[in-house]
Amino acid sequence: MSERIGKVTLNLDYYDGQDFYSDGAIEEHLLQLVKENEPDLYQDLILREKNWAVMYHLSEQRENILAWYPMEPSASVLEVGAGCGAISGILAKKAGRVVANDLSKMRSTINAYKNKDADNLEIMVGNFNRVADNLEETFDYVTLIGVFEYAKTYIQEPDAYGVFLDKINRHLKPGGKILMAIENRLGMKYFAGCKEDHVGKYFEGIEGYPGTDGVETFSKRELEKLLDEKGYHDYKFYYPYPDYKFATTIYSDEYLPKKGELRNNMRNFDSDRLLLFDEGLAFDGIIDAELFPHFSNSFFVEIGKKEEHHA
């Protein structure tokens, strides 16, 4: 069964009839906003509402994490964990076909209204495992933007990260790429006094998530080791600044920041934070020590398809 919202297809074949995850009344409000306002008014809404959720879900700046990435106009993309569609729109502009998946019908409906003019966008509502097991299509790209850290909630198995990657890998065409954006648990902002993004606790990621189950991020070395252990050896790191959610610059190992460049550090719009030291000056010292990649607040990782070898 499917619905049409504008030019977008809302595929409900794998929807269980109930949303098991919700942020509550704010989602109803977001739906009303996107139903009643065109995208060119979203910035005015953000300024008027002064609400973190409205900014987070409707800001055009969210698209910066992928706006720069080169895709062929004919490319196909599977977007896992699409949420309210902050990234779906830029994917639909860049690629030929986008299949977005989210567990929540409410969030998927917000996505559909937000991107209602995208005739190349299909939103598949339902549990990722059920969708993935029934989806025979393969894609040039699979995006995991703020998703990989939740692998243990997607995959109820001991090797959740490996199983998750392999499930995604099966949906890549030969030569395809996984595009992952994720916070660095050792990001500079966490040392300087920002609460951990997912659980809202000071120093929780730095200390190794002693009080957290179900979500975790990684340092650069940890993520490299995890990918290598699971057989994903073809990967490249980029460093979104200030973070991947509201990136203004995407650095790479070929173009790292210079001293004095990293001065936009007042993050954590959703919560109070401490100001323990001057992050800009600390970044200058990190840059001098050639350690910036390890203290970048976020990573964007391009991961090449793992070729399956059959005996």
Protein backbone atom coordinates (compact mmCIF):
# COMPACT_ATOMS: atom_id res chain seq x y z
CA MET A 1 0.00 0.00 0.00
CA SER A 2 1.26 3.47 -0.78
CA GLU A 3 0.20 7.09 -0.46
CA ARG A 4 1.12 10.11 -2.55
CA ILE A 5 2.05 13.38 -0.90
CA GLY A 6 2.76 15.88 -3.63
CA LYS A 7 5.11 14.01 -5.98
CA VAL A 8 6.54 11.79 -3.21
CA THR A 9 5.57 8.14 -2.78
CA LEU A 10 5.00 7.00 0.81
CA ASN A 11 5.39 3.21 0.72
CA LEU A 12 3.58 1.54 3.65
CA ASP A 13 4.07 -2.11 2.64
CA TYR A 14 6.35 -2.77 5.63
CA TYR A 15 4.73 -0.47 8.18
CA ASP A 16 3.49 -2.21 11.34
CA GLY A 17 0.69 0.29 11.90
CA GLN A 18 2.26 1.92 14.94
CA ASP A 19 5.10 4.37 15.53
CA PHE A 20 7.38 2.91 18.18
CA TYR A 21 9.58 6.01 18.33
CA SER A 22 8.40 9.59 18.73
CA ASP A 23 9.58 12.92 20.10
CA GLY A 24 5.99 13.71 21.03
CA ALA A 25 4.03 16.89 20.37
CA ILE A 26 6.88 18.60 18.53
CA GLU A 27 6.42 16.17 15.64
CA GLU A 28 2.76 17.19 15.28
CA HIS A 29 3.93 20.81 15.26
CA LEU A 30 6.61 20.10 12.64
CA LEU A 31 4.00 18.41 10.43
CA GLN A 32 1.77 21.46 10.67
CA LEU A 33 4.69 23.76 9.80
CA VAL A 34 5.72 21.82 6.69
CA LYS A 35 2.11 21.46 5.53
CA GLU A 36 1.46 25.20 5.80
CA ASN A 37 4.82 26.65 4.68
CA GLU A 38 7.01 26.35 1.59
CA PRO A 39 10.72 25.54 2.06
CA ASP A 40 11.80 29.10 1.25
CA LEU A 41 10.06 30.20 4.48
CA TYR A 42 11.78 27.67 6.75
CA GLN A 43 14.55 30.06 7.77
CA ASP A 44 11.94 32.63 8.87
CA LEU A 45 10.18 29.88 10.85
CA ILE A 46 13.45 28.93 12.57
CA LEU A 47 14.05 32.54 13.62
CA ARG A 48 10.46 32.95 14.79
CA GLU A 49 10.07 29.65 16.64
CA LYS A 50 13.43 29.72 18.46
CA ASN A 51 13.08 25.97 18.97
CA TRP A 52 15.92 23.44 18.66
CA ALA A 53 13.79 20.75 17.00
CA VAL A 54 12.45 23.18 14.39
CA MET A 55 16.00 24.32 13.55
CA TYR A 56 17.38 20.78 13.58
CA HIS A 57 14.78 19.35 11.23
CA LEU A 58 14.18 22.33 8.91
CA SER A 59 17.52 24.12 8.59
CA GLU A 60 18.94 24.10 5.07
CA GLN A 61 22.40 23.97 6.66
CA ARG A 62 21.76 20.31 7.54
CA GLU A 63 22.23 19.55 3.84
CA ASN A 64 25.84 20.74 3.85
CA ILE A 65 27.08 17.32 4.93
CA LEU A 66 26.24 16.00 1.44
CA ALA A 67 25.79 19.09 -0.74
CA TRP A 68 29.49 19.03 -1.69
CA TYR A 69 29.71 15.30 -2.41
CA PRO A 70 29.94 14.46 -6.13
CA MET A 71 27.19 12.17 -7.40
CA GLU A 72 26.22 11.29 -10.93
CA PRO A 73 22.73 12.64 -11.79
CA SER A 74 21.71 9.06 -12.58
CA ALA A 75 22.87 7.68 -9.20
CA SER A 76 20.54 5.75 -6.91
CA VAL A 77 20.62 6.20 -3.13
CA LEU A 78 19.24 4.27 -0.17
CA GLU A 79 18.92 6.60 2.84
CA VAL A 80 18.73 4.67 6.11
CA GLY A 81 17.17 6.49 9.07
CA ALA A 82 15.78 9.38 7.04
CA GLY A 83 13.80 10.88 9.93
CA CYS A 84 11.99 14.09 9.01
CA GLY A 85 13.91 14.48 5.75
CA ALA A 86 16.67 16.95 6.58
CA ILE A 87 18.95 15.11 4.13
CA SER A 88 16.40 13.53 1.76
CA GLY A 89 15.89 16.78 -0.15
CA ILE A 90 19.54 17.32 -1.09
CA LEU A 91 19.82 13.65 -2.11
CA ALA A 92 16.77 14.02 -4.35
CA LYS A 93 18.37 17.09 -5.98
CA LYS A 94 21.69 15.31 -6.60
CA ALA A 95 20.64 11.74 -7.51
CA GLY A 96 18.27 10.10 -9.98
CA ARG A 97 16.44 7.91 -7.46
CA VAL A 98 16.25 8.08 -3.65
CA VAL A 99 14.69 5.42 -1.44
CA ALA A 100 14.46 6.78 2.12
CA ASN A 101 13.66 4.49 5.04
CA ASP A 102 12.40 5.36 8.50
CA LEU A 103 10.56 3.45 11.21
CA SER A 104 8.15 6.30 11.95
CA LYS A 105 5.18 7.10 9.72
CA MET A 106 4.84 10.52 11.35
CA ARG A 107 8.46 11.44 10.58
CA SER A 108 8.15 10.01 7.08
CA THR A 109 5.02 12.10 6.50
CA ILE A 110 6.90 15.22 7.60
CA ASN A 111 9.66 14.22 5.16
CA ALA A 112 7.14 13.80 2.34
CA TYR A 113 5.55 17.22 2.88
CA LYS A 114 8.97 18.87 3.33
CA ASN A 115 10.16 17.43 0.00
CA LYS A 116 6.80 17.17 -1.78
CA ASP A 117 8.16 18.35 -5.14
CA ALA A 118 10.70 15.48 -5.39
CA ASP A 119 9.23 13.05 -7.91
CA ASN A 120 12.30 10.78 -7.54
CA LEU A 121 11.82 10.23 -3.78
CA GLU A 122 10.19 7.10 -2.37
CA ILE A 123 9.89 6.82 1.41
CA MET A 124 9.64 3.27 2.73
CA VAL A 125 8.12 3.28 6.22
CA GLY A 126 8.99 0.39 8.50
CA ASN A 127 11.66 -1.46 10.43
CA PHE A 128 14.95 -1.34 8.52
CA ASN A 129 15.54 -5.08 8.86
CA ARG A 130 12.19 -5.94 7.32
CA VAL A 131 12.63 -3.39 4.54
CA ALA A 132 16.20 -4.53 3.82
CA ASP A 133 15.23 -8.21 3.78
CA ASN A 134 12.50 -7.56 1.22
CA LEU A 135 14.29 -4.96 -0.90
CA GLU A 136 15.94 -6.57 -3.91
CA GLU A 137 17.15 -3.30 -5.45
CA THR A 138 20.82 -2.34 -5.23
CA PHE A 139 22.11 1.22 -5.04
CA ASP A 140 25.14 3.34 -5.89
CA TYR A 141 25.11 4.81 -2.38
CA VAL A 142 23.71 3.96 1.02
CA THR A 143 23.74 6.85 3.49
CA LEU A 144 24.08 6.48 7.26
CA ILE A 145 23.83 10.08 8.47
CA GLY A 146 23.65 9.92 12.27
CA VAL A 147 22.60 6.26 12.10
CA PHE A 148 25.57 3.91 12.58
CA GLU A 149 25.86 4.75 16.29
CA TYR A 150 22.43 3.14 16.78
CA ALA A 151 23.42 -0.20 15.17
CA LYS A 152 22.71 -2.08 18.40
CA THR A 153 19.09 -0.91 18.30
CA TYR A 154 18.74 -1.96 14.65
CA ILE A 155 20.53 -5.31 15.03
CA GLN A 156 19.87 -7.48 18.08
CA GLU A 157 23.02 -9.58 17.68
CA PRO A 158 26.44 -9.62 19.42
CA ASP A 159 28.27 -8.33 16.33
CA ALA A 160 25.73 -5.59 15.66
CA TYR A 161 28.11 -3.27 13.76
CA GLY A 162 29.45 -5.97 11.45
CA VAL A 163 25.99 -7.42 10.75
CA PHE A 164 24.62 -3.92 10.07
CA LEU A 165 27.43 -3.09 7.64
CA ASP A 166 27.06 -6.40 5.81
CA LYS A 167 23.28 -5.98 5.52
CA ILE A 168 23.87 -2.56 3.95
CA ASN A 169 26.72 -3.87 1.79
CA ARG A 170 24.33 -6.32 0.12
CA HIS A 171 22.32 -3.38 -1.18
CA LEU A 172 25.30 -1.73 -2.89
CA LYS A 173 26.01 -2.08 -6.58
CA PRO A 174 29.55 -3.11 -7.57
CA GLY A 175 31.74 -0.09 -6.85
CA GLY A 176 29.06 1.39 -4.59
CA LYS A 177 29.75 3.45 -1.45
CA ILE A 178 28.45 3.72 2.09
CA LEU A 179 28.39 7.37 3.19
CA MET A 180 28.53 7.64 6.97
CA ALA A 181 28.38 10.71 9.21
CA ILE A 182 28.96 10.23 12.92
CA GLU A 183 30.20 12.14 15.96
CA ASN A 184 33.70 11.54 17.34
CA ARG A 185 33.46 10.42 20.95
CA LEU A 186 36.77 12.27 21.49
CA GLY A 187 35.62 15.43 19.70
CA MET A 188 37.07 18.67 21.03
CA LYS A 189 33.64 20.04 22.00
CA TYR A 190 33.14 17.22 24.49
CA PHE A 191 36.37 18.03 26.34
CA ALA A 192 35.47 21.73 26.29
CA GLY A 193 32.10 21.23 27.99
CA CYS A 194 29.41 20.12 25.54
CA LYS A 195 27.17 17.28 26.64
CA GLU A 196 27.36 14.06 24.62
CA ASP A 197 24.94 14.56 21.71
CA HIS A 198 22.87 11.39 22.14
CA VAL A 199 22.49 11.03 25.90
CA GLY A 200 22.92 14.59 27.18
CA LYS A 201 25.60 13.77 29.76
CA TYR A 202 28.93 15.54 30.23
CA PHE A 203 32.00 13.44 29.26
CA GLU A 204 29.91 10.28 28.70
CA GLY A 205 31.58 9.39 25.39
CA ILE A 206 35.05 10.39 26.55
CA GLU A 207 34.66 8.01 29.50
CA GLY A 208 33.55 5.15 27.23
CA TYR A 209 29.75 5.34 27.81
CA PRO A 210 29.75 3.80 31.33
CA GLY A 211 26.06 4.66 31.86
CA THR A 212 24.71 4.17 28.34
CA ASP A 213 23.27 1.25 26.41
CA GLY A 214 22.15 1.13 22.78
CA VAL A 215 24.13 4.05 21.33
CA GLU A 216 27.83 4.77 21.07
CA THR A 217 30.19 6.70 18.85
CA PHE A 218 33.86 6.06 18.14
CA SER A 219 37.24 7.71 17.98
CA LYS A 220 38.95 7.78 14.59
CA ARG A 221 41.25 4.86 15.47
CA GLU A 222 38.33 2.83 16.85
CA LEU A 223 36.26 3.37 13.73
CA GLU A 224 39.20 2.51 11.45
CA LYS A 225 39.85 -0.66 13.45
CA LEU A 226 36.17 -1.64 13.34
CA LEU A 227 35.98 -1.17 9.56
CA ASP A 228 39.20 -3.10 8.99
CA GLU A 229 38.11 -5.97 11.24
CA LYS A 230 34.82 -6.27 9.33
CA GLY A 231 36.64 -6.37 5.98
CA TYR A 232 35.93 -2.79 4.85
CA HIS A 233 39.43 -1.67 3.91
CA ASP A 234 38.54 0.94 1.27
CA TYR A 235 37.56 4.03 3.24
CA LYS A 236 38.35 7.72 3.37
CA PHE A 237 37.77 10.12 6.27
CA TYR A 238 36.57 13.71 6.01
CA TYR A 239 36.16 16.14 8.88
CA PRO A 240 32.99 18.29 8.93
CA TYR A 241 33.39 21.47 10.96
CA PRO A 242 32.00 22.49 13.42
CA ASP A 243 30.18 19.13 13.20
CA TYR A 244 28.28 17.11 10.61
CA LYS A 245 24.85 18.40 11.66
CA PHE A 246 25.53 22.06 10.84
CA ALA A 247 28.71 21.85 8.79
CA THR A 248 30.19 25.01 7.31
CA THR A 249 33.44 23.41 6.10
CA ILE A 250 34.42 19.87 5.11
CA TYR A 251 38.12 19.21 5.71
CA SER A 252 40.10 16.22 4.46
CA ASP A 253 43.53 14.70 5.04
CA GLU A 254 44.60 16.57 1.86
CA TYR A 255 43.18 19.88 3.14
CA LEU A 256 43.38 20.19 6.91
CA PRO A 257 42.50 23.36 8.85
CA LYS A 258 45.09 26.06 9.45
CA LYS A 259 45.70 27.80 12.76
CA GLY A 260 43.09 30.48 13.37
CA GLU A 261 40.41 28.90 11.15
CA LEU A 262 38.46 26.99 13.80
CA ARG A 263 36.62 29.74 15.68
CA ASN A 264 32.96 28.72 15.26
CA ASN A 265 32.75 26.56 18.36
CA MET A 266 29.64 27.64 20.28
CA ARG A 267 27.69 24.44 19.67
CA ASN A 268 25.08 22.48 21.66
CA PHE A 269 22.09 24.59 20.69
CA ASP A 270 19.78 22.03 22.30
CA SER A 271 21.23 22.18 25.81
CA ASP A 272 23.27 24.11 28.33
CA ARG A 273 27.00 23.57 28.17
CA LEU A 274 30.13 24.38 30.14
CA LEU A 275 32.89 26.66 28.86
CA LEU A 276 36.00 25.00 30.22
CA PHE A 277 38.55 26.55 27.85
CA ASP A 278 38.92 28.41 24.56
CA GLU A 279 38.29 25.73 21.94
CA GLY A 280 39.75 27.86 19.15
CA LEU A 281 43.10 28.17 20.88
CA ALA A 282 43.01 24.50 21.84
CA PHE A 283 42.37 23.60 18.20
CA ASP A 284 45.39 25.73 17.22
CA GLY A 285 47.55 23.58 19.50
CA ILE A 286 46.03 20.40 18.12
CA ILE A 287 46.70 21.60 14.56
CA ASP A 288 50.32 22.38 15.48
CA ALA A 289 50.64 18.85 16.85
CA GLU A 290 49.12 17.43 13.63
CA LEU A 291 46.35 15.74 15.62
CA PHE A 292 43.25 17.50 14.25
CA PRO A 293 41.75 14.36 12.62
CA HIS A 294 41.60 12.70 16.05
CA PHE A 295 39.84 15.64 17.75
CA SER A 296 37.45 16.65 14.95
CA ASN A 297 33.95 16.85 16.42
CA SER A 298 32.53 14.66 13.64
CA PHE A 299 33.55 12.36 10.82
CA PHE A 300 32.20 11.82 7.34
CA VAL A 301 33.45 8.47 6.04
CA GLU A 302 33.23 7.22 2.46
CA ILE A 303 33.37 3.40 2.58
CA GLY A 304 33.77 1.30 -0.55
CA LYS A 305 31.69 -1.84 -1.08
CA LYS A 306 33.17 -4.99 0.38
CA GLU A 307 33.33 -7.54 -2.41
CA GLU A 308 31.95 -10.90 -1.37
CA HIS A 309 34.25 -13.83 -2.14
CA HIS A 310 32.55 -17.16 -2.71
CA ALA A 311 34.45 -20.40 -2.55
